[in-house]
């Protein structure tokens, strides 16, 4: 699971069976979605606690990467 979808999402998609990310920026998601391979899922745009809690329903995760908004939550 990755907080903050982007170039890292594409990196991990080439190296993992499945990557799920969450993103807060709608404009960034519009730019990113056409680049995503089939094994990458991006949730969002989400803000605040919805963003912070996005990993809860899908776990357990092998790895969680925190590289996005709401790091303080």
Protein backbone atom coordinates (compact mmCIF):
# COMPACT_ATOMS: atom_id res chain seq x y z
CA UNK A 1 0.00 0.00 0.00
CA UNK A 2 1.28 3.46 -0.85
CA UNK A 3 0.19 6.81 0.49
CA UNK A 4 0.74 9.30 -2.32
CA UNK A 5 0.26 7.88 -5.82
CA UNK A 6 2.74 8.83 -8.49
CA UNK A 7 6.01 7.77 -10.02
CA UNK A 8 6.63 5.44 -7.08
CA UNK A 9 3.36 3.67 -7.89
CA UNK A 10 4.62 2.95 -11.39
CA UNK A 11 7.96 1.82 -9.97
CA UNK A 12 6.34 -0.64 -7.56
CA UNK A 13 3.85 -1.87 -10.17
CA UNK A 14 6.81 -3.16 -12.21
CA UNK A 15 8.16 -5.02 -9.17
CA UNK A 16 5.10 -6.28 -7.30
CA UNK A 17 2.11 -8.46 -8.09
CA UNK A 18 -0.26 -5.70 -6.90
CA UNK A 19 0.06 -2.10 -5.69
CA UNK A 20 -2.74 -0.07 -4.14
CA UNK A 21 -2.23 3.65 -3.57
CA UNK A 22 -4.27 6.54 -2.27
CA UNK A 23 -4.05 10.08 -3.62
CA UNK A 24 -5.51 13.43 -2.54
CA UNK A 25 -5.10 15.49 -5.73
CA UNK A 26 -7.79 15.14 -8.40
CA UNK A 27 -5.73 16.88 -11.12
CA UNK A 28 -2.76 14.61 -10.44
CA UNK A 29 -5.00 11.52 -10.59
CA UNK A 30 -6.32 12.59 -14.00
CA UNK A 31 -2.73 12.75 -15.25
CA UNK A 32 -1.64 9.50 -13.59
CA UNK A 33 -4.56 7.13 -14.33
CA UNK A 34 -3.77 6.62 -18.05
CA UNK A 35 -0.24 5.51 -17.11
CA UNK A 36 -1.29 2.86 -14.59
CA UNK A 37 -0.85 -0.81 -15.47
CA UNK A 38 -3.52 -3.37 -14.62
CA UNK A 39 -1.92 -4.38 -11.33
CA UNK A 40 -2.11 -0.83 -9.91
CA UNK A 41 -5.17 0.52 -8.12
CA UNK A 42 -5.41 4.13 -7.00
CA UNK A 43 -8.05 5.24 -4.52
CA UNK A 44 -9.14 8.83 -4.45
CA UNK A 45 -9.11 11.62 -4.43
CA UNK A 46 -9.47 11.37 -0.67
CA UNK A 47 -8.76 13.94 2.03
CA UNK A 48 -8.18 14.01 5.79
CA UNK A 49 -9.15 10.94 7.79
CA UNK A 50 -10.56 9.17 4.72
CA UNK A 51 -7.08 9.45 3.20
CA UNK A 52 -5.36 8.31 6.38
CA UNK A 53 -7.73 5.35 6.84
CA UNK A 54 -7.65 4.20 3.20
CA UNK A 55 -5.31 1.27 3.96
CA UNK A 56 -7.51 -0.23 6.67
CA UNK A 57 -10.02 -2.25 4.58
CA UNK A 58 -7.51 -3.89 2.25
CA UNK A 59 -4.85 -5.19 4.59
CA UNK A 60 -2.82 -6.84 5.76
CA UNK A 61 -0.18 -5.33 3.50
CA UNK A 62 3.33 -6.65 2.90
CA UNK A 63 4.62 -3.08 2.87
CA UNK A 64 3.21 0.41 3.50
CA UNK A 65 4.95 3.37 1.89
CA UNK A 66 4.17 6.83 3.29
CA UNK A 67 5.03 9.42 0.67
CA UNK A 68 1.98 11.64 0.45
CA UNK A 69 -0.23 14.25 2.10
CA UNK A 70 -1.51 14.01 5.63
CA UNK A 71 1.77 12.56 7.00
CA UNK A 72 0.98 14.12 10.37
CA UNK A 73 -2.24 12.11 10.86
